[in-house]
All heavy atoms as atom14 arrays in JSON, in Angstrom:
{
  "sequence": "YGSTVDVHDPWVRPEEAKAEYGIDLVDGPEAAAYDAILIAVG",
  "atom14_mask": [
    [1, 1, 1, 1, 1, 1, 1, 1, 1, 1, 1, 1, 0, 0],
    [1, 1, 1, 1, 0, 0, 0, 0, 0, 0, 0, 0, 0, 0],
    [1, 1, 1, 1, 1, 1, 0, 0, 0, 0, 0, 0, 0, 0],
    [1, 1, 1, 1, 1, 1, 1, 0, 0, 0, 0, 0, 0, 0],
    [1, 1, 1, 1, 1, 1, 1, 0, 0, 0, 0, 0, 0, 0],
    [1, 1, 1, 1, 1, 1, 1, 1, 0, 0, 0, 0, 0, 0],
    [1, 1, 1, 1, 1, 1, 1, 0, 0, 0, 0, 0, 0, 0],
    [1, 1, 1, 1, 1, 1, 1, 1, 1, 1, 0, 0, 0, 0],
    [1, 1, 1, 1, 1, 1, 1, 1, 0, 0, 0, 0, 0, 0],
    [1, 1, 1, 1, 1, 1, 1, 0, 0, 0, 0, 0, 0, 0],
    [1, 1, 1, 1, 1, 1, 1, 1, 1, 1, 1, 1, 1, 1],
    [1, 1, 1, 1, 1, 1, 1, 0, 0, 0, 0, 0, 0, 0],
    [1, 1, 1, 1, 1, 1, 1, 1, 1, 1, 1, 0, 0, 0],
    [1, 1, 1, 1, 1, 1, 1, 0, 0, 0, 0, 0, 0, 0],
    [1, 1, 1, 1, 1, 1, 1, 1, 1, 0, 0, 0, 0, 0],
    [1, 1, 1, 1, 1, 1, 1, 1, 1, 0, 0, 0, 0, 0],
    [1, 1, 1, 1, 1, 0, 0, 0, 0, 0, 0, 0, 0, 0],
    [1, 1, 1, 1, 1, 1, 1, 1, 1, 0, 0, 0, 0, 0],
    [1, 1, 1, 1, 1, 0, 0, 0, 0, 0, 0, 0, 0, 0],
    [1, 1, 1, 1, 1, 1, 1, 1, 1, 0, 0, 0, 0, 0],
    [1, 1, 1, 1, 1, 1, 1, 1, 1, 1, 1, 1, 0, 0],
    [1, 1, 1, 1, 0, 0, 0, 0, 0, 0, 0, 0, 0, 0],
    [1, 1, 1, 1, 1, 1, 1, 1, 0, 0, 0, 0, 0, 0],
    [1, 1, 1, 1, 1, 1, 1, 1, 0, 0, 0, 0, 0, 0],
    [1, 1, 1, 1, 1, 1, 1, 1, 0, 0, 0, 0, 0, 0],
    [1, 1, 1, 1, 1, 1, 1, 0, 0, 0, 0, 0, 0, 0],
    [1, 1, 1, 1, 1, 1, 1, 1, 0, 0, 0, 0, 0, 0],
    [1, 1, 1, 1, 0, 0, 0, 0, 0, 0, 0, 0, 0, 0],
    [1, 1, 1, 1, 1, 1, 1, 0, 0, 0, 0, 0, 0, 0],
    [1, 1, 1, 1, 1, 1, 1, 1, 1, 0, 0, 0, 0, 0],
    [1, 1, 1, 1, 1, 0, 0, 0, 0, 0, 0, 0, 0, 0],
    [1, 1, 1, 1, 1, 0, 0, 0, 0, 0, 0, 0, 0, 0],
    [1, 1, 1, 1, 1, 0, 0, 0, 0, 0, 0, 0, 0, 0],
    [1, 1, 1, 1, 1, 1, 1, 1, 1, 1, 1, 1, 0, 0],
    [1, 1, 1, 1, 1, 1, 1, 1, 0, 0, 0, 0, 0, 0],
    [1, 1, 1, 1, 1, 0, 0, 0, 0, 0, 0, 0, 0, 0],
    [1, 1, 1, 1, 1, 1, 1, 1, 0, 0, 0, 0, 0, 0],
    [1, 1, 1, 1, 1, 1, 1, 1, 0, 0, 0, 0, 0, 0],
    [1, 1, 1, 1, 1, 1, 1, 1, 0, 0, 0, 0, 0, 0],
    [1, 1, 1, 1, 1, 0, 0, 0, 0, 0, 0, 0, 0, 0],
    [1, 1, 1, 1, 1, 1, 1, 0, 0, 0, 0, 0, 0, 0],
    [1, 1, 1, 1, 0, 0, 0, 0, 0, 0, 0, 0, 0, 0]
  ],
  "atom14_positions": [
    [[0.82, -1.21, 0.0], [0.0, 0.0, 0.0], [0.86, 1.27, 0.0], [0.32, 2.37, -0.02], [-0.93, 0.03, 1.21], [-2.13, -0.87, 1.09], [-2.08, -2.2, 1.52], [-3.33, -0.41, 0.55], [-3.18, -3.03, 1.41], [-4.44, -1.24, 0.45], [-4.35, -2.54, 0.88], [-5.46, -3.37, 0.78], [0.0, 0.0, 0.0], [0.0, 0.0, 0.0]],
    [[2.16, 1.1, 0.06], [3.05, 2.24, 0.06], [3.54, 2.66, 1.42], [4.33, 3.62, 1.54], [0.0, 0.0, 0.0], [0.0, 0.0, 0.0], [0.0, 0.0, 0.0], [0.0, 0.0, 0.0], [0.0, 0.0, 0.0], [0.0, 0.0, 0.0], [0.0, 0.0, 0.0], [0.0, 0.0, 0.0], [0.0, 0.0, 0.0], [0.0, 0.0, 0.0]],
    [[3.11, 1.98, 2.47], [3.53, 2.32, 3.83], [5.01, 1.96, 4.04], [5.5, 0.96, 3.5], [2.67, 1.59, 4.86], [1.31, 1.95, 4.76], [0.0, 0.0, 0.0], [0.0, 0.0, 0.0], [0.0, 0.0, 0.0], [0.0, 0.0, 0.0], [0.0, 0.0, 0.0], [0.0, 0.0, 0.0], [0.0, 0.0, 0.0], [0.0, 0.0, 0.0]],
    [[5.69, 2.78, 4.82], [7.04, 2.46, 5.27], [6.94, 1.65, 6.55], [6.39, 2.13, 7.55], [7.86, 3.73, 5.51], [7.94, 4.47, 4.29], [9.26, 3.39, 5.99], [0.0, 0.0, 0.0], [0.0, 0.0, 0.0], [0.0, 0.0, 0.0], [0.0, 0.0, 0.0], [0.0, 0.0, 0.0], [0.0, 0.0, 0.0], [0.0, 0.0, 0.0]],
    [[7.43, 0.42, 6.52], [7.24, -0.5, 7.64], [8.56, -0.77, 8.34], [9.53, -1.23, 7.72], [6.62, -1.84, 7.17], [6.32, -2.73, 8.37], [5.36, -1.59, 6.35], [0.0, 0.0, 0.0], [0.0, 0.0, 0.0], [0.0, 0.0, 0.0], [0.0, 0.0, 0.0], [0.0, 0.0, 0.0], [0.0, 0.0, 0.0], [0.0, 0.0, 0.0]],
    [[8.62, -0.48, 9.63], [9.75, -0.84, 10.48], [9.35, -2.04, 11.33], [8.22, -2.1, 11.84], [10.14, 0.32, 11.4], [10.87, 1.43, 10.66], [11.25, 1.23, 9.49], [11.07, 2.51, 11.26], [0.0, 0.0, 0.0], [0.0, 0.0, 0.0], [0.0, 0.0, 0.0], [0.0, 0.0, 0.0], [0.0, 0.0, 0.0], [0.0, 0.0, 0.0]],
    [[10.27, -2.97, 11.48], [10.02, -4.16, 12.28], [11.04, -4.2, 13.41], [12.25, -4.07, 13.19], [10.11, -5.45, 11.44], [9.79, -6.67, 12.31], [9.18, -5.38, 10.23], [0.0, 0.0, 0.0], [0.0, 0.0, 0.0], [0.0, 0.0, 0.0], [0.0, 0.0, 0.0], [0.0, 0.0, 0.0], [0.0, 0.0, 0.0], [0.0, 0.0, 0.0]],
    [[10.53, -4.41, 14.62], [11.39, -4.5, 15.8], [11.12, -5.8, 16.52], [9.97, -6.13, 16.83], [11.13, -3.32, 16.74], [11.82, -3.44, 18.07], [13.2, -3.48, 18.2], [11.32, -3.55, 19.34], [13.51, -3.6, 19.48], [12.4, -3.64, 20.18], [0.0, 0.0, 0.0], [0.0, 0.0, 0.0], [0.0, 0.0, 0.0], [0.0, 0.0, 0.0]],
    [[12.19, -6.57, 16.79], [12.04, -7.81, 17.55], [13.31, -8.05, 18.36], [14.36, -8.36, 17.8], [11.79, -9.01, 16.63], [11.29, -10.23, 17.39], [11.87, -10.52, 18.45], [10.33, -10.88, 16.95], [0.0, 0.0, 0.0], [0.0, 0.0, 0.0], [0.0, 0.0, 0.0], [0.0, 0.0, 0.0], [0.0, 0.0, 0.0], [0.0, 0.0, 0.0]],
    [[13.24, -7.89, 19.68], [14.43, -8.04, 20.53], [14.97, -9.45, 20.62], [16.08, -9.66, 21.12], [13.94, -7.54, 21.9], [12.46, -7.78, 21.88], [12.03, -7.55, 20.47], [0.0, 0.0, 0.0], [0.0, 0.0, 0.0], [0.0, 0.0, 0.0], [0.0, 0.0, 0.0], [0.0, 0.0, 0.0], [0.0, 0.0, 0.0], [0.0, 0.0, 0.0]],
    [[14.21, -10.44, 20.14], [14.64, -11.83, 20.22], [15.41, -12.29, 18.97], [16.03, -13.36, 19.0], [13.43, -12.75, 20.41], [12.85, -12.68, 21.78], [11.95, -11.77, 22.25], [13.14, -13.55, 22.88], [11.65, -12.03, 23.57], [12.36, -13.12, 23.97], [13.96, -14.67, 23.04], [12.4, -13.75, 25.21], [14.0, -15.31, 24.28], [13.22, -14.85, 25.34]],
    [[15.36, -11.53, 17.92], [15.88, -11.99, 16.63], [17.22, -11.33, 16.31], [17.39, -10.13, 16.49], [14.87, -11.69, 15.51], [15.44, -12.1, 14.15], [13.56, -12.43, 15.77], [0.0, 0.0, 0.0], [0.0, 0.0, 0.0], [0.0, 0.0, 0.0], [0.0, 0.0, 0.0], [0.0, 0.0, 0.0], [0.0, 0.0, 0.0], [0.0, 0.0, 0.0]],
    [[18.16, -12.15, 15.78], [19.41, -11.59, 15.28], [19.15, -10.89, 13.95], [18.59, -11.48, 13.03], [20.45, -12.69, 15.1], [20.94, -13.31, 16.4], [21.96, -14.4, 16.15], [21.38, -15.52, 15.4], [22.09, -16.54, 14.92], [23.39, -16.58, 15.08], [21.48, -17.52, 14.26], [0.0, 0.0, 0.0], [0.0, 0.0, 0.0], [0.0, 0.0, 0.0]],
    [[19.55, -9.63, 13.83], [19.28, -8.88, 12.6], [19.76, -9.57, 11.33], [19.08, -9.55, 10.3], [20.01, -7.55, 12.83], [20.05, -7.4, 14.32], [20.22, -8.8, 14.84], [0.0, 0.0, 0.0], [0.0, 0.0, 0.0], [0.0, 0.0, 0.0], [0.0, 0.0, 0.0], [0.0, 0.0, 0.0], [0.0, 0.0, 0.0], [0.0, 0.0, 0.0]],
    [[20.92, -10.2, 11.4], [21.46, -10.86, 10.21], [20.58, -12.04, 9.78], [20.48, -12.34, 8.59], [22.89, -11.34, 10.44], [23.08, -12.33, 11.58], [23.34, -11.69, 12.94], [22.98, -10.5, 13.12], [23.86, -12.4, 13.82], [0.0, 0.0, 0.0], [0.0, 0.0, 0.0], [0.0, 0.0, 0.0], [0.0, 0.0, 0.0], [0.0, 0.0, 0.0]],
    [[19.92, -12.7, 10.73], [19.04, -13.81, 10.38], [17.77, -13.31, 9.71], [17.31, -13.9, 8.73], [18.69, -14.63, 11.63], [17.91, -15.89, 11.32], [17.64, -16.76, 12.53], [18.15, -16.43, 13.62], [16.92, -17.77, 12.39], [0.0, 0.0, 0.0], [0.0, 0.0, 0.0], [0.0, 0.0, 0.0], [0.0, 0.0, 0.0], [0.0, 0.0, 0.0]],
    [[17.19, -12.23, 10.24], [15.99, -11.65, 9.62], [16.3, -11.18, 8.2], [15.47, -11.35, 7.3], [15.49, -10.48, 10.47], [0.0, 0.0, 0.0], [0.0, 0.0, 0.0], [0.0, 0.0, 0.0], [0.0, 0.0, 0.0], [0.0, 0.0, 0.0], [0.0, 0.0, 0.0], [0.0, 0.0, 0.0], [0.0, 0.0, 0.0], [0.0, 0.0, 0.0]],
    [[17.47, -10.62, 8.01], [17.87, -10.16, 6.68], [18.06, -11.32, 5.73], [17.6, -11.3, 4.58], [19.16, -9.34, 6.78], [19.64, -8.76, 5.46], [18.69, -7.69, 4.93], [19.29, -7.02, 3.69], [18.37, -5.97, 3.16], [0.0, 0.0, 0.0], [0.0, 0.0, 0.0], [0.0, 0.0, 0.0], [0.0, 0.0, 0.0], [0.0, 0.0, 0.0]],
    [[18.73, -12.36, 6.2], [19.01, -13.52, 5.36], [17.75, -14.28, 4.99], [17.59, -14.74, 3.85], [20.01, -14.44, 6.05], [0.0, 0.0, 0.0], [0.0, 0.0, 0.0], [0.0, 0.0, 0.0], [0.0, 0.0, 0.0], [0.0, 0.0, 0.0], [0.0, 0.0, 0.0], [0.0, 0.0, 0.0], [0.0, 0.0, 0.0], [0.0, 0.0, 0.0]],
    [[16.83, -14.44, 5.96], [15.64, -15.25, 5.74], [14.56, -14.51, 4.96], [13.91, -15.08, 4.08], [15.07, -15.72, 7.08], [15.88, -16.79, 7.77], [15.89, -18.11, 7.04], [14.85, -18.48, 6.47], [16.94, -18.75, 7.02], [0.0, 0.0, 0.0], [0.0, 0.0, 0.0], [0.0, 0.0, 0.0], [0.0, 0.0, 0.0], [0.0, 0.0, 0.0]],
    [[14.36, -13.23, 5.28], [13.21, -12.52, 4.74], [13.53, -11.17, 4.1], [12.62, -10.47, 3.65], [12.14, -12.33, 5.82], [11.64, -13.64, 6.39], [11.99, -14.04, 7.68], [10.83, -14.48, 5.64], [11.53, -15.24, 8.2], [10.38, -15.69, 6.15], [10.73, -16.06, 7.43], [10.28, -17.26, 7.95], [0.0, 0.0, 0.0], [0.0, 0.0, 0.0]],
    [[14.8, -10.79, 4.1], [15.17, -9.51, 3.53], [14.69, -8.32, 4.35], [14.55, -7.21, 3.82], [0.0, 0.0, 0.0], [0.0, 0.0, 0.0], [0.0, 0.0, 0.0], [0.0, 0.0, 0.0], [0.0, 0.0, 0.0], [0.0, 0.0, 0.0], [0.0, 0.0, 0.0], [0.0, 0.0, 0.0], [0.0, 0.0, 0.0], [0.0, 0.0, 0.0]],
    [[14.45, -8.54, 5.63], [13.93, -7.48, 6.51], [15.07, -6.92, 7.36], [15.78, -7.68, 8.02], [12.8, -8.02, 7.41], [11.58, -8.37, 6.56], [12.43, -7.01, 8.49], [10.45, -9.01, 7.35], [0.0, 0.0, 0.0], [0.0, 0.0, 0.0], [0.0, 0.0, 0.0], [0.0, 0.0, 0.0], [0.0, 0.0, 0.0], [0.0, 0.0, 0.0]],
    [[15.21, -5.61, 7.33], [16.19, -4.93, 8.18], [15.5, -4.51, 9.48], [14.7, -3.57, 9.49], [16.77, -3.71, 7.47], [17.62, -4.09, 6.26], [18.57, -4.87, 6.42], [17.32, -3.6, 5.15], [0.0, 0.0, 0.0], [0.0, 0.0, 0.0], [0.0, 0.0, 0.0], [0.0, 0.0, 0.0], [0.0, 0.0, 0.0], [0.0, 0.0, 0.0]],
    [[15.8, -5.2, 10.55], [15.19, -4.88, 11.84], [15.69, -3.53, 12.36], [16.84, -3.15, 12.12], [15.51, -5.96, 12.86], [14.94, -7.37, 12.61], [15.39, -8.32, 13.72], [13.43, -7.34, 12.53], [0.0, 0.0, 0.0], [0.0, 0.0, 0.0], [0.0, 0.0, 0.0], [0.0, 0.0, 0.0], [0.0, 0.0, 0.0], [0.0, 0.0, 0.0]],
    [[14.83, -2.83, 13.06], [15.25, -1.62, 13.78], [15.55, -2.01, 15.21], [14.77, -2.73, 15.85], [14.19, -0.51, 13.71], [13.97, -0.07, 12.27], [12.87, -0.95, 14.32], [0.0, 0.0, 0.0], [0.0, 0.0, 0.0], [0.0, 0.0, 0.0], [0.0, 0.0, 0.0], [0.0, 0.0, 0.0], [0.0, 0.0, 0.0], [0.0, 0.0, 0.0]],
    [[16.7, -1.57, 15.7], [17.13, -1.95, 17.04], [16.28, -1.29, 18.12], [15.83, -1.93, 19.06], [18.61, -1.6, 17.23], [19.13, -2.07, 18.57], [18.78, -3.18, 18.99], [19.9, -1.31, 19.2], [0.0, 0.0, 0.0], [0.0, 0.0, 0.0], [0.0, 0.0, 0.0], [0.0, 0.0, 0.0], [0.0, 0.0, 0.0], [0.0, 0.0, 0.0]],
    [[16.03, -0.01, 17.94], [15.2, 0.73, 18.88], [14.27, 1.66, 18.13], [14.72, 2.61, 17.48], [0.0, 0.0, 0.0], [0.0, 0.0, 0.0], [0.0, 0.0, 0.0], [0.0, 0.0, 0.0], [0.0, 0.0, 0.0], [0.0, 0.0, 0.0], [0.0, 0.0, 0.0], [0.0, 0.0, 0.0], [0.0, 0.0, 0.0], [0.0, 0.0, 0.0]],
    [[12.97, 1.4, 18.15], [12.02, 2.26, 17.42], [12.08, 3.71, 17.89], [12.29, 3.98, 19.08], [10.66, 1.63, 17.75], [10.96, 0.23, 18.18], [12.29, 0.29, 18.83], [0.0, 0.0, 0.0], [0.0, 0.0, 0.0], [0.0, 0.0, 0.0], [0.0, 0.0, 0.0], [0.0, 0.0, 0.0], [0.0, 0.0, 0.0], [0.0, 0.0, 0.0]],
    [[11.9, 4.64, 16.96], [11.88, 6.05, 17.31], [10.66, 6.41, 18.14], [9.58, 5.82, 17.96], [11.88, 6.9, 16.04], [13.13, 6.8, 15.18], [13.01, 7.67, 13.96], [12.6, 8.84, 14.12], [13.31, 7.21, 12.84], [0.0, 0.0, 0.0], [0.0, 0.0, 0.0], [0.0, 0.0, 0.0], [0.0, 0.0, 0.0], [0.0, 0.0, 0.0]],
    [[10.81, 7.34, 19.01], [9.68, 7.83, 19.79], [8.86, 8.8, 18.96], [9.41, 9.57, 18.16], [10.17, 8.5, 21.07], [0.0, 0.0, 0.0], [0.0, 0.0, 0.0], [0.0, 0.0, 0.0], [0.0, 0.0, 0.0], [0.0, 0.0, 0.0], [0.0, 0.0, 0.0], [0.0, 0.0, 0.0], [0.0, 0.0, 0.0], [0.0, 0.0, 0.0]],
    [[7.55, 8.73, 19.11], [6.62, 9.66, 18.48], [6.8, 9.75, 16.97], [6.66, 10.82, 16.36], [6.75, 11.05, 19.11], [0.0, 0.0, 0.0], [0.0, 0.0, 0.0], [0.0, 0.0, 0.0], [0.0, 0.0, 0.0], [0.0, 0.0, 0.0], [0.0, 0.0, 0.0], [0.0, 0.0, 0.0], [0.0, 0.0, 0.0], [0.0, 0.0, 0.0]],
    [[7.1, 8.6, 16.32], [7.45, 8.61, 14.9], [6.45, 7.9, 14.0], [6.46, 8.1, 12.8], [8.82, 7.98, 14.71], [0.0, 0.0, 0.0], [0.0, 0.0, 0.0], [0.0, 0.0, 0.0], [0.0, 0.0, 0.0], [0.0, 0.0, 0.0], [0.0, 0.0, 0.0], [0.0, 0.0, 0.0], [0.0, 0.0, 0.0], [0.0, 0.0, 0.0]],
    [[5.56, 7.09, 14.57], [4.77, 6.18, 13.75], [3.3, 6.56, 13.7], [2.71, 7.0, 14.7], [4.94, 4.75, 14.24], [6.37, 4.27, 14.12], [7.24, 4.33, 15.21], [6.85, 3.78, 12.92], [8.56, 3.92, 15.1], [8.18, 3.36, 12.8], [9.02, 3.44, 13.88], [10.32, 3.03, 13.76], [0.0, 0.0, 0.0], [0.0, 0.0, 0.0]],
    [[2.72, 6.32, 12.52], [1.29, 6.57, 12.32], [0.44, 5.39, 12.81], [-0.73, 5.56, 13.15], [1.0, 6.82, 10.84], [1.73, 8.04, 10.31], [1.3, 9.17, 10.63], [2.74, 7.87, 9.59], [0.0, 0.0, 0.0], [0.0, 0.0, 0.0], [0.0, 0.0, 0.0], [0.0, 0.0, 0.0], [0.0, 0.0, 0.0], [0.0, 0.0, 0.0]],
    [[1.03, 4.22, 12.81], [0.33, 3.02, 13.28], [1.34, 2.08, 13.89], [2.48, 1.97, 13.43], [-0.43, 2.34, 12.13], [0.0, 0.0, 0.0], [0.0, 0.0, 0.0], [0.0, 0.0, 0.0], [0.0, 0.0, 0.0], [0.0, 0.0, 0.0], [0.0, 0.0, 0.0], [0.0, 0.0, 0.0], [0.0, 0.0, 0.0], [0.0, 0.0, 0.0]],
    [[0.9, 1.39, 14.94], [1.73, 0.4, 15.63], [0.95, -0.89, 15.69], [-0.2, -0.92, 16.13], [2.09, 0.87, 17.05], [2.83, 2.21, 17.0], [2.94, -0.18, 17.77], [2.9, 2.9, 18.35], [0.0, 0.0, 0.0], [0.0, 0.0, 0.0], [0.0, 0.0, 0.0], [0.0, 0.0, 0.0], [0.0, 0.0, 0.0], [0.0, 0.0, 0.0]],
    [[1.57, -1.97, 15.24], [0.92, -3.26, 15.2], [1.67, -4.24, 16.11], [2.85, -4.5, 15.88], [0.88, -3.77, 13.76], [-0.09, -4.88, 13.42], [-0.47, -4.82, 11.95], [0.55, -6.24, 13.71], [0.0, 0.0, 0.0], [0.0, 0.0, 0.0], [0.0, 0.0, 0.0], [0.0, 0.0, 0.0], [0.0, 0.0, 0.0], [0.0, 0.0, 0.0]],
    [[1.01, -4.74, 17.13], [1.62, -5.72, 18.03], [1.37, -7.1, 17.44], [0.27, -7.64, 17.52], [1.04, -5.63, 19.46], [1.1, -4.19, 19.97], [1.79, -6.57, 20.4], [0.34, -3.97, 21.27], [0.0, 0.0, 0.0], [0.0, 0.0, 0.0], [0.0, 0.0, 0.0], [0.0, 0.0, 0.0], [0.0, 0.0, 0.0], [0.0, 0.0, 0.0]],
    [[2.42, -7.68, 16.82], [2.26, -8.93, 16.09], [2.64, -10.16, 16.9], [2.17, -11.26, 16.62], [3.11, -8.89, 14.8], [0.0, 0.0, 0.0], [0.0, 0.0, 0.0], [0.0, 0.0, 0.0], [0.0, 0.0, 0.0], [0.0, 0.0, 0.0], [0.0, 0.0, 0.0], [0.0, 0.0, 0.0], [0.0, 0.0, 0.0], [0.0, 0.0, 0.0]],
    [[3.51, -9.99, 17.91], [3.99, -11.1, 18.72], [3.96, -10.67, 20.19], [4.34, -9.55, 20.52], [5.42, -11.52, 18.33], [5.84, -12.78, 19.1], [5.53, -11.78, 16.82], [0.0, 0.0, 0.0], [0.0, 0.0, 0.0], [0.0, 0.0, 0.0], [0.0, 0.0, 0.0], [0.0, 0.0, 0.0], [0.0, 0.0, 0.0], [0.0, 0.0, 0.0]],
    [[3.52, -11.56, 21.05], [3.36, -11.22, 22.46], [4.6, -11.4, 23.29], [4.52, -11.99, 24.39], [0.0, 0.0, 0.0], [0.0, 0.0, 0.0], [0.0, 0.0, 0.0], [0.0, 0.0, 0.0], [0.0, 0.0, 0.0], [0.0, 0.0, 0.0], [0.0, 0.0, 0.0], [0.0, 0.0, 0.0], [0.0, 0.0, 0.0], [0.0, 0.0, 0.0]]
  ]
}
């Protein structure tokens, strides 16, 4: 849809996320930066 999507997961090694799915994880999400927040994993 054209949205810029940041993914944050403290349990995952960034290199593994990149290798498996081409996703660059963000280490620490910016404060007051996002239009929507989706809690995908508990």
